C-alpha atoms as a PDB file:
ATOM      1  CA  UNK A   1     141.944 117.197 -65.782  1.00  0.00           C
ATOM      2  CA  UNK A   2     141.021 115.170 -62.663  1.00  0.00           C
ATOM      3  CA  UNK A   3     139.933 111.538 -62.446  1.00  0.00           C
ATOM      4  CA  UNK A   4     136.246 112.415 -62.786  1.00  0.00           C
ATOM      5  CA  UNK A   5     136.974 114.264 -66.012  1.00  0.00           C
ATOM      6  CA  UNK A   6     138.718 111.184 -67.361  1.00  0.00           C
ATOM      7  CA  UNK A   7     135.764 109.004 -66.406  1.00  0.00           C
ATOM      8  CA  UNK A   8     133.260 111.303 -68.093  1.00  0.00           C
ATOM      9  CA  UNK A   9     135.448 111.461 -71.204  1.00  0.00           C
ATOM     10  CA  UNK A  10     135.609 107.670 -71.414  1.00  0.00           C
ATOM     11  CA  UNK A  11     131.852 107.391 -70.953  1.00  0.00           C
ATOM     12  CA  UNK A  12     131.290 109.912 -73.724  1.00  0.00           C
ATOM     13  CA  UNK A  13     133.613 108.026 -76.052  1.00  0.00           C
ATOM     14  CA  UNK A  14     131.872 104.750 -75.237  1.00  0.00           C
ATOM     15  CA  UNK A  15     128.447 106.238 -75.919  1.00  0.00           C
ATOM     16  CA  UNK A  16     129.630 107.682 -79.209  1.00  0.00           C
ATOM     17  CA  UNK A  17     131.146 104.369 -80.329  1.00  0.00           C
ATOM     18  CA  UNK A  18     128.291 102.092 -79.252  1.00  0.00           C
ATOM     19  CA  UNK A  19     125.797 103.181 -81.938  1.00  0.00           C
ATOM     20  CA  UNK A  20     128.474 102.577 -84.569  1.00  0.00           C
ATOM     21  CA  UNK A  21     129.201  99.143 -83.115  1.00  0.00           C
ATOM     22  CA  UNK A  22     125.496  98.307 -83.001  1.00  0.00           C
ATOM     23  CA  UNK A  23     125.017  99.448 -86.591  1.00  0.00           C
ATOM     24  CA  UNK A  24     127.943  97.357 -87.797  1.00  0.00           C
ATOM     25  CA  UNK A  25     126.611  94.329 -85.951  1.00  0.00           C
ATOM     26  CA  UNK A  26     123.156  94.862 -87.449  1.00  0.00           C
ATOM     27  CA  UNK A  27     124.590  95.032 -90.960  1.00  0.00           C
ATOM     28  CA  UNK A  28     126.697  91.935 -90.377  1.00  0.00           C
ATOM     29  CA  UNK A  29     123.746  90.038 -88.946  1.00  0.00           C
ATOM     30  CA  UNK A  30     121.614  90.912 -91.974  1.00  0.00           C
ATOM     31  CA  UNK A  31     124.421  89.912 -94.333  1.00  0.00           C
ATOM     32  CA  UNK A  32     124.923  86.603 -92.556  1.00  0.00           C
ATOM     33  CA  UNK A  33     121.272  85.642 -92.871  1.00  0.00           C
ATOM     34  CA  UNK A  34     121.023  86.655 -96.525  1.00  0.00           C
ATOM     35  CA  UNK A  35     124.385  85.292 -97.671  1.00  0.00           C
ATOM     36  CA  UNK A  36     123.805  81.937 -95.986  1.00  0.00           C
ATOM     37  CA  UNK A  37     120.240  81.582 -97.222  1.00  0.00           C
ATOM     38  CA  UNK A  38     120.722  82.754-100.809  1.00  0.00           C
ATOM     39  CA  UNK A  39     124.444  82.724-101.561  1.00  0.00           C
ATOM     40  CA  UNK A  40     126.790  85.669-101.877  1.00  0.00           C
ATOM     41  CA  UNK A  41     126.268  86.107-105.603  1.00  0.00           C
ATOM     42  CA  UNK A  42     122.517  86.507-105.410  1.00  0.00           C
ATOM     43  CA  UNK A  43     122.510  89.048-102.593  1.00  0.00           C
ATOM     44  CA  UNK A  44     123.200  92.680-103.399  1.00  0.00           C
ATOM     45  CA  UNK A  45     124.582  95.355-101.125  1.00  0.00           C
ATOM     46  CA  UNK A  46     121.241  97.120-101.471  1.00  0.00           C
ATOM     47  CA  UNK A  47     119.446  94.039-100.155  1.00  0.00           C
ATOM     48  CA  UNK A  48     121.754  93.825 -97.130  1.00  0.00           C
ATOM     49  CA  UNK A  49     121.331  97.528 -96.388  1.00  0.00           C
ATOM     50  CA  UNK A  50     117.537  97.230 -96.630  1.00  0.00           C
ATOM     51  CA  UNK A  51     117.474  94.189 -94.350  1.00  0.00           C
ATOM     52  CA  UNK A  52     119.676  95.987 -91.824  1.00  0.00           C
ATOM     53  CA  UNK A  53     117.546  99.127 -91.965  1.00  0.00           C
ATOM     54  CA  UNK A  54     120.412 101.389 -93.049  1.00  0.00           C
ATOM     55  CA  UNK A  55     121.344 103.327 -96.153  1.00  0.00           C
ATOM     56  CA  UNK A  56     123.884 101.962 -98.583  1.00  0.00           C
ATOM     57  CA  UNK A  57     126.129 104.873 -97.675  1.00  0.00           C
ATOM     58  CA  UNK A  58     126.030 103.795 -94.016  1.00  0.00           C
ATOM     59  CA  UNK A  59     126.848 100.230 -95.002  1.00  0.00           C
ATOM     60  CA  UNK A  60     129.879 101.393 -96.965  1.00  0.00           C
ATOM     61  CA  UNK A  61     130.982 103.448 -93.977  1.00  0.00           C
ATOM     62  CA  UNK A  62     131.370 100.225 -91.995  1.00  0.00           C
ATOM     63  CA  UNK A  63     132.427  97.950 -94.874  1.00  0.00           C
ATOM     64  CA  UNK A  64     134.361  99.487 -97.732  1.00  0.00           C
ATOM     65  CA  UNK A  65     133.200  96.884-100.261  1.00  0.00           C
ATOM     66  CA  UNK A  66     130.969  93.866-100.709  1.00  0.00           C
ATOM     67  CA  UNK A  67     134.102  91.727-100.708  1.00  0.00           C
ATOM     68  CA  UNK A  68     134.997  93.016 -97.245  1.00  0.00           C
ATOM     69  CA  UNK A  69     131.448  92.315 -96.056  1.00  0.00           C
ATOM     70  CA  UNK A  70     131.586  88.747 -97.385  1.00  0.00           C
ATOM     71  CA  UNK A  71     134.881  88.142 -95.597  1.00  0.00           C
ATOM     72  CA  UNK A  72     133.449  89.606 -92.386  1.00  0.00           C
ATOM     73  CA  UNK A  73     130.418  87.311 -92.735  1.00  0.00           C
ATOM     74  CA  UNK A  74     132.654  84.237 -92.709  1.00  0.00           C
ATOM     75  CA  UNK A  75     134.908  85.670 -90.019  1.00  0.00           C
ATOM     76  CA  UNK A  76     131.874  86.049 -87.760  1.00  0.00           C
ATOM     77  CA  UNK A  77     131.029  82.362 -88.235  1.00  0.00           C
ATOM     78  CA  UNK A  78     134.564  81.110 -87.548  1.00  0.00           C
ATOM     79  CA  UNK A  79     134.886  80.926 -83.761  1.00  0.00           C
ATOM     80  CA  UNK A  80     131.205  80.093 -83.042  1.00  0.00           C
ATOM     81  CA  UNK A  81     131.380  77.116 -85.410  1.00  0.00           C
ATOM     82  CA  UNK A  82     134.649  75.893 -83.942  1.00  0.00           C
ATOM     83  CA  UNK A  83     133.285  76.308 -80.420  1.00  0.00           C
ATOM     84  CA  UNK A  84     130.167  74.331 -81.271  1.00  0.00           C
ATOM     85  CA  UNK A  85     132.078  71.369 -82.694  1.00  0.00           C
ATOM     86  CA  UNK A  86     134.519  71.473 -79.802  1.00  0.00           C
ATOM     87  CA  UNK A  87     131.602  71.327 -77.368  1.00  0.00           C
ATOM     88  CA  UNK A  88     130.120  68.332 -79.156  1.00  0.00           C
ATOM     89  CA  UNK A  89     133.446  66.507 -79.018  1.00  0.00           C
ATOM     90  CA  UNK A  90     134.011  67.252 -75.346  1.00  0.00           C
ATOM     91  CA  UNK A  91     130.453  66.408 -74.259  1.00  0.00           C
ATOM     92  CA  UNK A  92     130.294  63.046 -76.038  1.00  0.00           C
ATOM     93  CA  UNK A  93     130.687  59.988 -73.846  1.00  0.00           C
ATOM     94  CA  UNK A  94     133.152  57.232 -74.680  1.00  0.00           C
ATOM     95  CA  UNK A  95     136.559  57.171 -76.293  1.00  0.00           C
ATOM     96  CA  UNK A  96     137.918  59.242 -79.144  1.00  0.00           C
ATOM     97  CA  UNK A  97     136.110  57.229 -81.875  1.00  0.00           C
ATOM     98  CA  UNK A  98     132.767  58.034 -80.221  1.00  0.00           C
ATOM     99  CA  UNK A  99     133.714  61.671 -79.704  1.00  0.00           C
ATOM    100  CA  UNK A 100     134.657  62.098 -83.361  1.00  0.00           C
ATOM    101  CA  UNK A 101     131.463  60.386 -84.465  1.00  0.00           C
ATOM    102  CA  UNK A 102     129.457  62.702 -82.202  1.00  0.00           C
ATOM    103  CA  UNK A 103     130.471  65.699 -84.329  1.00  0.00           C
ATOM    104  CA  UNK A 104     128.967  64.041 -87.405  1.00  0.00           C
ATOM    105  CA  UNK A 105     125.846  62.932 -85.515  1.00  0.00           C
ATOM    106  CA  UNK A 106     125.222  66.453 -84.237  1.00  0.00           C
ATOM    107  CA  UNK A 107     125.706  67.898 -87.713  1.00  0.00           C
ATOM    108  CA  UNK A 108     123.108  65.419 -88.969  1.00  0.00           C
ATOM    109  CA  UNK A 109     120.647  66.950 -86.491  1.00  0.00           C
ATOM    110  CA  UNK A 110     121.514  70.454 -87.695  1.00  0.00           C
ATOM    111  CA  UNK A 111     121.106  69.378 -91.318  1.00  0.00           C
ATOM    112  CA  UNK A 112     117.514  68.323 -90.642  1.00  0.00           C
ATOM    113  CA  UNK A 113     116.505  71.942 -90.114  1.00  0.00           C
ATOM    114  CA  UNK A 114     114.551  73.235 -93.142  1.00  0.00           C
ATOM    115  CA  UNK A 115     116.753  76.350 -93.345  1.00  0.00           C
ATOM    116  CA  UNK A 116     120.022  74.420 -93.358  1.00  0.00           C
ATOM    117  CA  UNK A 117     122.033  75.216 -96.493  1.00  0.00           C
ATOM    118  CA  UNK A 118     125.243  73.332 -95.895  1.00  0.00           C
ATOM    119  CA  UNK A 119     128.634  74.695 -94.885  1.00  0.00           C
ATOM    120  CA  UNK A 120     128.789  78.438 -95.450  1.00  0.00           C
ATOM    121  CA  UNK A 121     132.574  78.295 -95.797  1.00  0.00           C
ATOM    122  CA  UNK A 122     132.476  75.650 -98.531  1.00  0.00           C
ATOM    123  CA  UNK A 123     129.607  77.282-100.404  1.00  0.00           C
ATOM    124  CA  UNK A 124     131.249  80.708-100.362  1.00  0.00           C
ATOM    125  CA  UNK A 125     134.584  79.279-101.477  1.00  0.00           C
ATOM    126  CA  UNK A 126     132.845  77.463-104.334  1.00  0.00           C
ATOM    127  CA  UNK A 127     131.202  80.686-105.478  1.00  0.00           C
ATOM    128  CA  UNK A 128     134.591  82.386-105.423  1.00  0.00           C
ATOM    129  CA  UNK A 129     136.489  79.539-107.072  1.00  0.00           C
ATOM    130  CA  UNK A 130     137.746  81.842-109.829  1.00  0.00           C
ATOM    131  CA  UNK A 131     139.107  84.283-107.226  1.00  0.00           C
ATOM    132  CA  UNK A 132     141.545  82.308-105.040  1.00  0.00           C
ATOM    133  CA  UNK A 133     142.987  85.517-103.604  1.00  0.00           C
ATOM    134  CA  UNK A 134     139.627  86.799-102.384  1.00  0.00           C
ATOM    135  CA  UNK A 135     139.733  87.688 -98.660  1.00  0.00           C
ATOM    136  CA  UNK A 136     136.721  85.463 -97.948  1.00  0.00           C
ATOM    137  CA  UNK A 137     138.483  82.461 -99.504  1.00  0.00           C
ATOM    138  CA  UNK A 138     141.396  83.077 -97.175  1.00  0.00           C
ATOM    139  CA  UNK A 139     139.040  83.249 -94.188  1.00  0.00           C
ATOM    140  CA  UNK A 140     137.432  79.963 -95.260  1.00  0.00           C
ATOM    141  CA  UNK A 141     140.803  78.258 -95.642  1.00  0.00           C
ATOM    142  CA  UNK A 142     141.902  79.531 -92.254  1.00  0.00           C
ATOM    143  CA  UNK A 143     138.719  78.218 -90.645  1.00  0.00           C
ATOM    144  CA  UNK A 144     139.132  74.752 -92.132  1.00  0.00           C
ATOM    145  CA  UNK A 145     142.821  74.664 -91.213  1.00  0.00           C
ATOM    146  CA  UNK A 146     141.979  75.812 -87.698  1.00  0.00           C
ATOM    147  CA  UNK A 147     139.547  72.974 -87.131  1.00  0.00           C
ATOM    148  CA  UNK A 148     141.968  70.465 -88.624  1.00  0.00           C
ATOM    149  CA  UNK A 149     144.729  71.686 -86.303  1.00  0.00           C
ATOM    150  CA  UNK A 150     142.431  71.511 -83.281  1.00  0.00           C
ATOM    151  CA  UNK A 151     141.346  67.983 -84.172  1.00  0.00           C
ATOM    152  CA  UNK A 152     144.948  66.862 -84.675  1.00  0.00           C
ATOM    153  CA  UNK A 153     145.773  68.208 -81.215  1.00  0.00           C
ATOM    154  CA  UNK A 154     142.951  66.186 -79.638  1.00  0.00           C
ATOM    155  CA  UNK A 155     144.072  63.036 -81.427  1.00  0.00           C
ATOM    156  CA  UNK A 156     147.673  63.631 -80.418  1.00  0.00           C
ATOM    157  CA  UNK A 157     146.695  64.049 -76.765  1.00  0.00           C
ATOM    158  CA  UNK A 158     144.864  60.733 -77.007  1.00  0.00           C
ATOM    159  CA  UNK A 159     148.029  59.077 -78.276  1.00  0.00           C
ATOM    160  CA  UNK A 160     146.898  58.516 -81.850  1.00  0.00           C
ATOM    161  CA  UNK A 161     149.600  58.749 -84.496  1.00  0.00           C
ATOM    162  CA  UNK A 162     150.116  60.140 -87.012  1.00  0.00           C
ATOM    163  CA  UNK A 163     147.605  62.621 -85.618  1.00  0.00           C
ATOM    164  CA  UNK A 164     147.913  65.176 -88.415  1.00  0.00           C
ATOM    165  CA  UNK A 165     147.243  62.624 -91.140  1.00  0.00           C
ATOM    166  CA  UNK A 166     144.298  61.154 -89.258  1.00  0.00           C
ATOM    167  CA  UNK A 167     142.807  64.596 -88.687  1.00  0.00           C
ATOM    168  CA  UNK A 168     143.060  65.363 -92.398  1.00  0.00           C
ATOM    169  CA  UNK A 169     141.351  62.098 -93.297  1.00  0.00           C
ATOM    170  CA  UNK A 170     138.498  62.921 -90.917  1.00  0.00           C
ATOM    171  CA  UNK A 171     138.191  66.395 -92.433  1.00  0.00           C
ATOM    172  CA  UNK A 172     137.829  64.837 -95.870  1.00  0.00           C
ATOM    173  CA  UNK A 173     134.984  62.684 -94.572  1.00  0.00           C
ATOM    174  CA  UNK A 174     133.401  65.708 -92.925  1.00  0.00           C
ATOM    175  CA  UNK A 175     133.513  67.973 -95.962  1.00  0.00           C
ATOM    176  CA  UNK A 176     132.336  65.099 -98.140  1.00  0.00           C
ATOM    177  CA  UNK A 177     129.365  64.659 -95.832  1.00  0.00           C
ATOM    178  CA  UNK A 178     128.574  68.370 -96.074  1.00  0.00           C
ATOM    179  CA  UNK A 179     128.553  68.131 -99.857  1.00  0.00           C
ATOM    180  CA  UNK A 180     126.551  64.895-100.137  1.00  0.00           C
ATOM    181  CA  UNK A 181     124.007  65.904 -97.490  1.00  0.00           C
ATOM    182  CA  UNK A 182     123.357  69.195 -99.259  1.00  0.00           C
ATOM    183  CA  UNK A 183     123.218  67.620-102.720  1.00  0.00           C
ATOM    184  CA  UNK A 184     120.751  64.936-101.707  1.00  0.00           C
ATOM    185  CA  UNK A 185     119.071  66.849 -98.868  1.00  0.00           C
ATOM    186  CA  UNK A 186     119.712  63.791 -96.735  1.00  0.00           C
ATOM    187  CA  UNK A 187     121.386  64.093 -93.289  1.00  0.00           C
ATOM    188  CA  UNK A 188     122.032  60.339 -93.330  1.00  0.00           C
ATOM    189  CA  UNK A 189     125.281  61.052 -95.163  1.00  0.00           C
ATOM    190  CA  UNK A 190     126.597  62.630 -91.969  1.00  0.00           C
ATOM    191  CA  UNK A 191     125.700  59.474 -90.044  1.00  0.00           C
ATOM    192  CA  UNK A 192     127.458  57.250 -92.577  1.00  0.00           C
ATOM    193  CA  UNK A 193     130.541  59.480 -92.678  1.00  0.00           C
ATOM    194  CA  UNK A 194     130.626  59.598 -88.883  1.00  0.00           C
ATOM    195  CA  UNK A 195     130.606  55.830 -88.680  1.00  0.00           C
ATOM    196  CA  UNK A 196     133.456  55.703 -91.181  1.00  0.00           C
ATOM    197  CA  UNK A 197     135.404  58.293 -89.190  1.00  0.00           C
ATOM    198  CA  UNK A 198     134.916  56.366 -85.949  1.00  0.00           C
ATOM    199  CA  UNK A 199     136.080  53.157 -87.611  1.00  0.00           C
ATOM    200  CA  UNK A 200     139.120  54.935 -88.986  1.00  0.00           C
ATOM    201  CA  UNK A 201     140.047  56.319 -85.559  1.00  0.00           C
ATOM    202  CA  UNK A 202     139.592  52.898 -83.969  1.00  0.00           C
ATOM    203  CA  UNK A 203     141.964  51.388 -86.541  1.00  0.00           C
ATOM    204  CA  UNK A 204     144.669  53.781 -85.424  1.00  0.00           C
ATOM    205  CA  UNK A 205     144.052  52.741 -81.837  1.00  0.00           C
ATOM    206  CA  UNK A 206     142.572  49.210 -81.668  1.00  0.00           C
ATOM    207  CA  UNK A 207     142.709  49.263 -77.868  1.00  0.00           C
ATOM    208  CA  UNK A 208     140.100  52.055 -77.875  1.00  0.00           C
ATOM    209  CA  UNK A 209     137.408  49.978 -79.584  1.00  0.00           C
END
């Protein structure tokens, strides 16, 4: 087989795989919209398949179970969510207190959208509270731990100590704001929590006020 044969073989493989990739993405996109809007318990596999325009058999070809689909739904939200909050932190002007507060302020803007339903990771974990070993619960825990680790790294670079403890305290404020804002349908809880977080950071580094 010469080089051209190899090229044509690779093209053929790519073309054969692309429809499968597109179908999987379409199913995952449909699941994400439905799971976030209605909750994982209220959405059936049939509903996801119908929204994606595929048969249930096709859905199960790409995802062996609803549990796997739920975990994939959260996995797909992991890096985009982390990237968004990282961008908010980096883009904010001022010192670390202002940068931390910016994350809360931006989330307050997001929470004003009529289709906002809170943190998908927290809501899914709550629905699966009786199943701590569920793969989606593990994905949610990994996401939260990932953001906490990233935040601790930023605080450490800024010379704030103990960075890990401070990051955890900020996470508690953040998740509390998610819960209160969803319960009361009031984004102002993000603003209040952000102010508290900024004050907390400033206490660890008075010179940065």
